[in-house]
Amino acid sequence: MGKIEDRIEELGLILPETPVPMGSYLPWARSGKLLFISGQLPRREGKVVYQGRVPSEISIEQAKEAAMVAALNAISVMKSALEELDRVKQILRMTCWVASSPNFFDQPQVANGASDFLVKVFGEAGKHSRMTTGVIALPANATVGVDLVVAAR
């Protein structure tokens, strides 16, 4: 195991198996040193574990946890693409979609669950640009979706 996987273990987490795509797409694509991670949901063992719109059906705190789980799944996809997480040079961009109730405007707070987690795992290399938006629905009634663009060594 490398330093990044050790850090994940220190956080009391286990890197899950790479999630299987829910449709006709690749979990990742690479162009040169850029790695594009397809949108990941808060799934464990193939099941979406955080469902519903924020804040009417799920709390902001639960949604932040959902964003962290989605980011952990994205890291699992990174490992399948790069074989070694220590090859991550920088997380360049994160997009976070939040299933939102009408009149909910605090999507950035939810996305912080993923952003803060990426910095905990990758340190300075985990700091990234970001776009967060609220949507009416996500696949499987998921609370959040996260995708990444990563620079690799």
N, C-alpha and C. Protein backbone atom coordinates (compact mmCIF):
# COMPACT_ATOMS: atom_id res chain seq x y z
N MET A 1 0.83 -1.19 0.00
CA MET A 1 0.00 0.00 0.00
C MET A 1 0.87 1.25 0.00
N GLY A 2 0.37 2.29 -0.64
CA GLY A 2 1.08 3.55 -0.69
C GLY A 2 0.63 4.49 0.41
N LYS A 3 1.18 5.70 0.39
CA LYS A 3 0.87 6.70 1.41
C LYS A 3 -0.61 7.08 1.42
N ILE A 4 -1.20 7.23 0.24
CA ILE A 4 -2.61 7.65 0.18
C ILE A 4 -3.51 6.56 0.75
N GLU A 5 -3.26 5.32 0.41
CA GLU A 5 -4.08 4.24 0.96
C GLU A 5 -3.88 4.12 2.47
N ASP A 6 -2.66 4.36 2.95
CA ASP A 6 -2.41 4.37 4.39
C ASP A 6 -3.24 5.46 5.06
N ARG A 7 -3.32 6.64 4.42
CA ARG A 7 -4.08 7.75 4.98
C ARG A 7 -5.57 7.40 5.06
N ILE A 8 -6.08 6.73 4.03
CA ILE A 8 -7.49 6.31 4.05
C ILE A 8 -7.72 5.36 5.21
N GLU A 9 -6.80 4.44 5.43
CA GLU A 9 -6.91 3.50 6.54
C GLU A 9 -6.84 4.23 7.89
N GLU A 10 -5.95 5.23 8.00
CA GLU A 10 -5.83 6.03 9.22
C GLU A 10 -7.14 6.74 9.54
N LEU A 11 -7.90 7.09 8.51
CA LEU A 11 -9.20 7.74 8.70
C LEU A 11 -10.29 6.74 9.09
N GLY A 12 -9.90 5.47 9.23
CA GLY A 12 -10.84 4.44 9.64
C GLY A 12 -11.73 3.95 8.51
N LEU A 13 -11.28 4.15 7.28
CA LEU A 13 -12.08 3.77 6.12
C LEU A 13 -11.40 2.65 5.34
N ILE A 14 -12.20 1.97 4.57
CA ILE A 14 -11.70 0.92 3.68
C ILE A 14 -12.05 1.34 2.26
N LEU A 15 -11.07 1.28 1.38
CA LEU A 15 -11.32 1.61 -0.02
C LEU A 15 -12.22 0.53 -0.60
N PRO A 16 -13.40 0.92 -1.07
CA PRO A 16 -14.34 -0.09 -1.58
C PRO A 16 -13.92 -0.64 -2.93
N GLU A 17 -14.56 -1.73 -3.33
CA GLU A 17 -14.40 -2.23 -4.69
C GLU A 17 -14.86 -1.13 -5.64
N THR A 18 -14.27 -1.08 -6.81
CA THR A 18 -14.65 -0.07 -7.79
C THR A 18 -16.12 -0.25 -8.16
N PRO A 19 -16.93 0.80 -8.02
CA PRO A 19 -18.35 0.69 -8.37
C PRO A 19 -18.55 0.35 -9.85
N VAL A 20 -19.51 -0.49 -10.11
CA VAL A 20 -19.86 -0.86 -11.48
C VAL A 20 -20.75 0.25 -12.05
N PRO A 21 -20.46 0.71 -13.28
CA PRO A 21 -21.31 1.75 -13.87
C PRO A 21 -22.77 1.31 -13.93
N MET A 22 -23.65 2.29 -13.79
CA MET A 22 -25.09 2.03 -13.82
C MET A 22 -25.67 2.19 -15.22
N GLY A 23 -24.82 2.38 -16.22
CA GLY A 23 -25.29 2.56 -17.59
C GLY A 23 -24.19 2.26 -18.58
N SER A 24 -24.37 2.71 -19.80
CA SER A 24 -23.43 2.46 -20.89
C SER A 24 -22.36 3.54 -20.95
N TYR A 25 -21.44 3.49 -20.01
CA TYR A 25 -20.34 4.45 -19.96
C TYR A 25 -19.17 3.84 -19.23
N LEU A 26 -18.02 4.45 -19.34
CA LEU A 26 -16.82 4.00 -18.65
C LEU A 26 -16.74 4.65 -17.28
N PRO A 27 -16.21 3.95 -16.29
CA PRO A 27 -16.05 4.58 -14.98
C PRO A 27 -14.98 5.67 -14.99
N TRP A 28 -14.07 5.61 -15.95
CA TRP A 28 -13.04 6.62 -16.10
C TRP A 28 -12.55 6.64 -17.54
N ALA A 29 -11.98 7.76 -17.92
CA ALA A 29 -11.32 7.90 -19.22
C ALA A 29 -10.06 8.72 -19.00
N ARG A 30 -9.05 8.45 -19.81
CA ARG A 30 -7.78 9.14 -19.62
C ARG A 30 -7.32 9.74 -20.93
N SER A 31 -6.79 10.95 -20.86
CA SER A 31 -6.17 11.61 -21.99
C SER A 31 -4.84 12.17 -21.50
N GLY A 32 -3.76 11.56 -21.91
CA GLY A 32 -2.45 11.98 -21.41
C GLY A 32 -2.38 11.80 -19.90
N LYS A 33 -2.09 12.89 -19.21
CA LYS A 33 -1.98 12.82 -17.75
C LYS A 33 -3.27 13.24 -17.05
N LEU A 34 -4.33 13.47 -17.83
CA LEU A 34 -5.62 13.83 -17.24
C LEU A 34 -6.51 12.60 -17.12
N LEU A 35 -7.08 12.44 -15.95
CA LEU A 35 -7.98 11.33 -15.67
C LEU A 35 -9.35 11.91 -15.34
N PHE A 36 -10.36 11.45 -16.05
CA PHE A 36 -11.73 11.93 -15.86
C PHE A 36 -12.52 10.81 -15.18
N ILE A 37 -12.99 11.07 -13.97
CA ILE A 37 -13.75 10.08 -13.20
C ILE A 37 -15.24 10.36 -13.41
N SER A 38 -15.96 9.37 -13.91
CA SER A 38 -17.40 9.52 -14.12
C SER A 38 -18.10 9.76 -12.79
N GLY A 39 -19.29 10.34 -12.87
CA GLY A 39 -20.06 10.66 -11.68
C GLY A 39 -20.27 9.45 -10.77
N GLN A 40 -19.99 9.64 -9.50
CA GLN A 40 -20.14 8.58 -8.51
C GLN A 40 -21.23 8.96 -7.52
N LEU A 41 -21.98 7.97 -7.12
CA LEU A 41 -23.07 8.16 -6.16
C LEU A 41 -22.64 7.62 -4.80
N PRO A 42 -23.38 7.93 -3.75
CA PRO A 42 -23.06 7.39 -2.42
C PRO A 42 -23.54 5.94 -2.31
N ARG A 43 -22.77 5.03 -2.94
CA ARG A 43 -23.13 3.62 -2.95
C ARG A 43 -22.17 2.80 -2.10
N ARG A 44 -22.72 1.79 -1.48
CA ARG A 44 -21.94 0.78 -0.78
C ARG A 44 -22.45 -0.57 -1.24
N GLU A 45 -21.52 -1.41 -1.67
CA GLU A 45 -21.87 -2.75 -2.15
C GLU A 45 -22.98 -2.70 -3.19
N GLY A 46 -22.91 -1.71 -4.08
CA GLY A 46 -23.84 -1.61 -5.19
C GLY A 46 -25.16 -0.93 -4.88
N LYS A 47 -25.40 -0.55 -3.62
CA LYS A 47 -26.67 0.08 -3.25
C LYS A 47 -26.45 1.53 -2.85
N VAL A 48 -27.34 2.40 -3.33
CA VAL A 48 -27.30 3.81 -2.92
C VAL A 48 -27.74 3.88 -1.47
N VAL A 49 -26.89 4.40 -0.60
CA VAL A 49 -27.17 4.40 0.84
C VAL A 49 -27.67 5.73 1.38
N TYR A 50 -27.62 6.77 0.56
CA TYR A 50 -28.20 8.06 0.94
C TYR A 50 -29.11 8.48 -0.20
N GLN A 51 -30.40 8.58 0.11
CA GLN A 51 -31.39 8.91 -0.91
C GLN A 51 -32.26 10.06 -0.45
N GLY A 52 -32.74 10.82 -1.42
CA GLY A 52 -33.69 11.88 -1.14
C GLY A 52 -33.11 13.26 -1.30
N ARG A 53 -34.03 14.22 -1.30
CA ARG A 53 -33.66 15.63 -1.49
C ARG A 53 -33.31 16.30 -0.16
N VAL A 54 -32.36 17.21 -0.26
CA VAL A 54 -31.91 18.00 0.89
C VAL A 54 -32.73 19.28 0.91
N PRO A 55 -33.21 19.77 2.02
CA PRO A 55 -33.23 19.18 3.35
C PRO A 55 -34.56 18.52 3.70
N SER A 56 -35.49 18.41 2.74
CA SER A 56 -36.82 17.89 3.09
C SER A 56 -36.84 16.40 3.41
N GLU A 57 -35.94 15.63 2.78
CA GLU A 57 -35.95 14.18 2.99
C GLU A 57 -34.68 13.66 3.67
N ILE A 58 -33.65 14.47 3.67
CA ILE A 58 -32.38 14.08 4.27
C ILE A 58 -31.70 15.36 4.78
N SER A 59 -31.06 15.28 5.91
CA SER A 59 -30.45 16.47 6.51
C SER A 59 -29.18 16.90 5.77
N ILE A 60 -28.78 18.13 6.00
CA ILE A 60 -27.55 18.64 5.40
C ILE A 60 -26.37 17.81 5.89
N GLU A 61 -26.33 17.46 7.16
CA GLU A 61 -25.22 16.66 7.69
C GLU A 61 -25.17 15.29 7.03
N GLN A 62 -26.32 14.65 6.86
CA GLN A 62 -26.35 13.35 6.17
C GLN A 62 -25.91 13.51 4.72
N ALA A 63 -26.31 14.59 4.09
CA ALA A 63 -25.92 14.84 2.70
C ALA A 63 -24.41 15.05 2.58
N LYS A 64 -23.79 15.70 3.57
CA LYS A 64 -22.34 15.86 3.57
C LYS A 64 -21.66 14.49 3.67
N GLU A 65 -22.21 13.60 4.49
CA GLU A 65 -21.69 12.23 4.59
C GLU A 65 -21.85 11.52 3.25
N ALA A 66 -22.99 11.73 2.59
CA ALA A 66 -23.23 11.13 1.28
C ALA A 66 -22.18 11.60 0.28
N ALA A 67 -21.85 12.88 0.32
CA ALA A 67 -20.84 13.42 -0.59
C ALA A 67 -19.47 12.79 -0.32
N MET A 68 -19.16 12.55 0.95
CA MET A 68 -17.90 11.90 1.29
C MET A 68 -17.88 10.47 0.75
N VAL A 69 -18.98 9.73 0.88
CA VAL A 69 -19.05 8.36 0.38
C VAL A 69 -18.89 8.35 -1.14
N ALA A 70 -19.53 9.30 -1.82
CA ALA A 70 -19.39 9.39 -3.27
C ALA A 70 -17.93 9.69 -3.65
N ALA A 71 -17.26 10.56 -2.90
CA ALA A 71 -15.86 10.87 -3.15
C ALA A 71 -14.97 9.65 -2.90
N LEU A 72 -15.27 8.86 -1.88
CA LEU A 72 -14.52 7.63 -1.63
C LEU A 72 -14.67 6.67 -2.80
N ASN A 73 -15.87 6.59 -3.36
CA ASN A 73 -16.07 5.75 -4.54
C ASN A 73 -15.26 6.28 -5.72
N ALA A 74 -15.20 7.60 -5.87
CA ALA A 74 -14.38 8.19 -6.94
C ALA A 74 -12.91 7.84 -6.75
N ILE A 75 -12.45 7.82 -5.52
CA ILE A 75 -11.06 7.43 -5.24
C ILE A 75 -10.84 5.97 -5.62
N SER A 76 -11.81 5.13 -5.37
CA SER A 76 -11.71 3.73 -5.77
C SER A 76 -11.56 3.60 -7.29
N VAL A 77 -12.32 4.42 -8.02
CA VAL A 77 -12.21 4.42 -9.48
C VAL A 77 -10.82 4.91 -9.89
N MET A 78 -10.30 5.93 -9.19
CA MET A 78 -8.95 6.43 -9.46
C MET A 78 -7.93 5.31 -9.34
N LYS A 79 -8.07 4.54 -8.27
CA LYS A 79 -7.12 3.43 -8.05
C LYS A 79 -7.20 2.42 -9.18
N SER A 80 -8.41 2.12 -9.66
CA SER A 80 -8.53 1.16 -10.76
C SER A 80 -7.89 1.69 -12.03
N ALA A 81 -7.91 3.01 -12.21
CA ALA A 81 -7.32 3.61 -13.40
C ALA A 81 -5.81 3.74 -13.30
N LEU A 82 -5.32 4.13 -12.13
CA LEU A 82 -3.90 4.43 -11.96
C LEU A 82 -3.10 3.31 -11.31
N GLU A 83 -3.78 2.34 -10.72
CA GLU A 83 -3.20 1.22 -9.98
C GLU A 83 -2.60 1.64 -8.64
N GLU A 84 -2.08 2.85 -8.56
CA GLU A 84 -1.45 3.34 -7.33
C GLU A 84 -1.91 4.77 -7.09
N LEU A 85 -2.57 5.01 -5.96
CA LEU A 85 -3.11 6.34 -5.66
C LEU A 85 -2.02 7.39 -5.46
N ASP A 86 -0.81 6.95 -5.15
CA ASP A 86 0.29 7.91 -5.00
C ASP A 86 0.67 8.54 -6.35
N ARG A 87 0.09 8.07 -7.43
CA ARG A 87 0.33 8.66 -8.76
C ARG A 87 -0.55 9.88 -9.00
N VAL A 88 -1.44 10.19 -8.06
CA VAL A 88 -2.27 11.40 -8.19
C VAL A 88 -1.38 12.61 -7.91
N LYS A 89 -1.30 13.47 -8.90
CA LYS A 89 -0.52 14.71 -8.73
C LYS A 89 -1.38 15.81 -8.13
N GLN A 90 -2.63 15.93 -8.62
CA GLN A 90 -3.53 16.97 -8.14
C GLN A 90 -4.97 16.63 -8.53
N ILE A 91 -5.90 16.84 -7.60
CA ILE A 91 -7.31 16.83 -7.96
C ILE A 91 -7.56 18.22 -8.54
N LEU A 92 -7.90 18.27 -9.82
CA LEU A 92 -8.04 19.57 -10.48
C LEU A 92 -9.43 20.16 -10.35
N ARG A 93 -10.44 19.31 -10.46
CA ARG A 93 -11.82 19.81 -10.52
C ARG A 93 -12.77 18.78 -9.93
N MET A 94 -13.72 19.26 -9.17
CA MET A 94 -14.80 18.42 -8.67
C MET A 94 -16.12 19.08 -9.04
N THR A 95 -17.05 18.28 -9.49
CA THR A 95 -18.42 18.74 -9.68
C THR A 95 -19.28 17.94 -8.72
N CYS A 96 -20.17 18.64 -8.03
CA CYS A 96 -21.08 17.98 -7.08
C CYS A 96 -22.50 18.40 -7.39
N TRP A 97 -23.34 17.42 -7.65
CA TRP A 97 -24.76 17.65 -7.85
C TRP A 97 -25.47 17.26 -6.58
N VAL A 98 -26.39 18.09 -6.14
CA VAL A 98 -27.13 17.84 -4.90
C VAL A 98 -28.62 17.80 -5.23
N ALA A 99 -29.25 16.68 -4.93
CA ALA A 99 -30.71 16.59 -5.09
C ALA A 99 -31.32 17.53 -4.06
N SER A 100 -32.01 18.55 -4.53
CA SER A 100 -32.42 19.65 -3.66
C SER A 100 -33.92 19.88 -3.67
N SER A 101 -34.43 20.17 -2.49
CA SER A 101 -35.82 20.61 -2.37
C SER A 101 -35.93 22.03 -2.92
N PRO A 102 -37.12 22.44 -3.34
CA PRO A 102 -37.29 23.84 -3.76
C PRO A 102 -36.89 24.77 -2.60
N ASN A 103 -36.31 25.88 -2.96
CA ASN A 103 -35.89 26.89 -1.98
C ASN A 103 -34.74 26.45 -1.09
N PHE A 104 -33.99 25.42 -1.49
CA PHE A 104 -32.74 25.07 -0.79
C PHE A 104 -31.59 25.63 -1.62
N PHE A 105 -30.75 26.42 -0.97
CA PHE A 105 -29.69 27.11 -1.69
C PHE A 105 -28.31 26.92 -1.05
N ASP A 106 -28.15 25.91 -0.20
CA ASP A 106 -26.89 25.72 0.49
C ASP A 106 -26.13 24.49 -0.03
N GLN A 107 -26.22 24.26 -1.34
CA GLN A 107 -25.51 23.13 -1.95
C GLN A 107 -24.01 23.15 -1.67
N PRO A 108 -23.35 24.33 -1.63
CA PRO A 108 -21.92 24.32 -1.34
C PRO A 108 -21.56 23.67 -0.01
N GLN A 109 -22.42 23.83 1.00
CA GLN A 109 -22.15 23.19 2.29
C GLN A 109 -22.16 21.68 2.15
N VAL A 110 -23.08 21.14 1.36
CA VAL A 110 -23.14 19.69 1.11
C VAL A 110 -21.87 19.24 0.40
N ALA A 111 -21.47 19.97 -0.64
CA ALA A 111 -20.28 19.61 -1.41
C ALA A 111 -19.02 19.63 -0.56
N ASN A 112 -19.01 20.43 0.50
CA ASN A 112 -17.85 20.45 1.40
C ASN A 112 -17.57 19.07 1.99
N GLY A 113 -18.58 18.23 2.09
CA GLY A 113 -18.36 16.87 2.59
C GLY A 113 -17.37 16.12 1.71
N ALA A 114 -17.45 16.30 0.41
CA ALA A 114 -16.51 15.67 -0.53
C ALA A 114 -15.20 16.45 -0.59
N SER A 115 -15.30 17.78 -0.69
CA SER A 115 -14.08 18.59 -0.81
C SER A 115 -13.16 18.42 0.39
N ASP A 116 -13.72 18.53 1.58
CA ASP A 116 -12.91 18.38 2.80
C ASP A 116 -12.29 16.99 2.88
N PHE A 117 -13.04 15.98 2.46
CA PHE A 117 -12.53 14.61 2.48
C PHE A 117 -11.36 14.46 1.51
N LEU A 118 -11.47 15.01 0.32
CA LEU A 118 -10.37 14.91 -0.64
C LEU A 118 -9.10 15.56 -0.10
N VAL A 119 -9.23 16.67 0.62
CA VAL A 119 -8.06 17.31 1.21
C VAL A 119 -7.50 16.45 2.34
N LYS A 120 -8.36 15.83 3.15
CA LYS A 120 -7.87 14.94 4.21
C LYS A 120 -7.08 13.78 3.62
N VAL A 121 -7.53 13.25 2.50
CA VAL A 121 -6.87 12.09 1.90
C VAL A 121 -5.61 12.48 1.14
N PHE A 122 -5.68 13.51 0.31
CA PHE A 122 -4.57 13.84 -0.58
C PHE A 122 -3.74 15.05 -0.13
N GLY A 123 -4.12 15.70 0.97
CA GLY A 123 -3.38 16.88 1.42
C GLY A 123 -3.51 18.00 0.40
N GLU A 124 -2.43 18.73 0.16
CA GLU A 124 -2.45 19.85 -0.80
C GLU A 124 -2.90 19.41 -2.18
N ALA A 125 -2.56 18.19 -2.56
CA ALA A 125 -2.96 17.67 -3.87
C ALA A 125 -4.46 17.44 -3.97
N GLY A 126 -5.15 17.48 -2.85
CA GLY A 126 -6.60 17.30 -2.85
C GLY A 126 -7.37 18.60 -3.04
N LYS A 127 -6.69 19.74 -2.98
CA LYS A 127 -7.36 21.03 -3.18
C LYS A 127 -7.68 21.19 -4.65
N HIS A 128 -8.90 21.65 -4.94
CA HIS A 128 -9.40 21.60 -6.31
C HIS A 128 -10.33 22.77 -6.61
N SER A 129 -10.54 23.00 -7.90
CA SER A 129 -11.61 23.92 -8.29
C SER A 129 -12.91 23.13 -8.22
N ARG A 130 -14.05 23.85 -8.22
CA ARG A 130 -15.29 23.12 -7.96
C ARG A 130 -16.49 23.83 -8.55
N MET A 131 -17.47 23.03 -8.93
CA MET A 131 -18.79 23.53 -9.29
C MET A 131 -19.80 22.68 -8.52
N THR A 132 -20.74 23.35 -7.89
CA THR A 132 -21.80 22.67 -7.15
C THR A 132 -23.13 23.21 -7.63
N THR A 133 -24.07 22.31 -7.83
CA THR A 133 -25.38 22.74 -8.30
C THR A 133 -26.47 21.88 -7.69
N GLY A 134 -27.66 22.46 -7.58
CA GLY A 134 -28.82 21.72 -7.10
C GLY A 134 -29.60 21.19 -8.28
N VAL A 135 -30.10 19.97 -8.15
CA VAL A 135 -30.89 19.34 -9.21
C VAL A 135 -32.16 18.76 -8.60
N ILE A 136 -33.14 18.52 -9.45
CA ILE A 136 -34.42 17.97 -8.98
C ILE A 136 -34.29 16.50 -8.59
N ALA A 137 -33.45 15.74 -9.32
CA ALA A 137 -33.31 14.30 -9.04
C ALA A 137 -32.00 13.79 -9.60
N LEU A 138 -31.51 12.72 -9.00
CA LEU A 138 -30.31 12.01 -9.46
C LEU A 138 -30.67 10.53 -9.63
N PRO A 139 -29.85 9.78 -10.37
CA PRO A 139 -30.14 8.36 -10.54
C PRO A 139 -30.33 7.64 -9.21
N ALA A 140 -31.28 6.71 -9.18
CA ALA A 140 -31.57 5.89 -8.00
C ALA A 140 -31.97 6.73 -6.79
N ASN A 141 -32.47 7.93 -7.03
CA ASN A 141 -32.89 8.84 -5.96
C ASN A 141 -31.73 9.19 -5.03
N ALA A 142 -30.49 9.14 -5.56
CA ALA A 142 -29.31 9.47 -4.76
C ALA A 142 -29.37 10.92 -4.31
N THR A 143 -28.79 11.19 -3.16
CA THR A 143 -28.74 12.53 -2.61
C THR A 143 -27.71 13.40 -3.30
N VAL A 144 -26.57 12.81 -3.66
CA VAL A 144 -25.50 13.56 -4.32
C VAL A 144 -24.84 12.72 -5.41
N GLY A 145 -24.16 13.41 -6.30
CA GLY A 145 -23.28 12.80 -7.29
C GLY A 145 -22.02 13.62 -7.37
N VAL A 146 -20.88 12.96 -7.53
CA VAL A 146 -19.59 13.64 -7.57
C VAL A 146 -18.78 13.10 -8.75
N ASP A 147 -18.20 14.01 -9.54
CA ASP A 147 -17.22 13.57 -10.54
C ASP A 147 -15.96 14.38 -10.37
N LEU A 148 -14.85 13.88 -10.91
CA LEU A 148 -13.54 14.50 -10.72
C LEU A 148 -12.75 14.54 -12.01
N VAL A 149 -11.87 15.54 -12.10
CA VAL A 149 -10.81 15.58 -13.10
C VAL A 149 -9.51 15.59 -12.29
N VAL A 150 -8.61 14.67 -12.64
CA VAL A 150 -7.40 14.44 -11.85
C VAL A 150 -6.17 14.53 -12.75
N ALA A 151 -5.12 15.18 -12.27
CA ALA A 151 -3.82 15.15 -12.96
C ALA A 151 -3.01 14.01 -12.34
N ALA A 152 -2.49 13.15 -13.20
CA ALA A 152 -1.74 11.98 -12.73
C ALA A 152 -0.26 12.10 -13.10
N ARG A 153 0.54 11.41 -12.36
CA ARG A 153 2.00 11.37 -12.65
C ARG A 153 2.27 10.30 -13.68
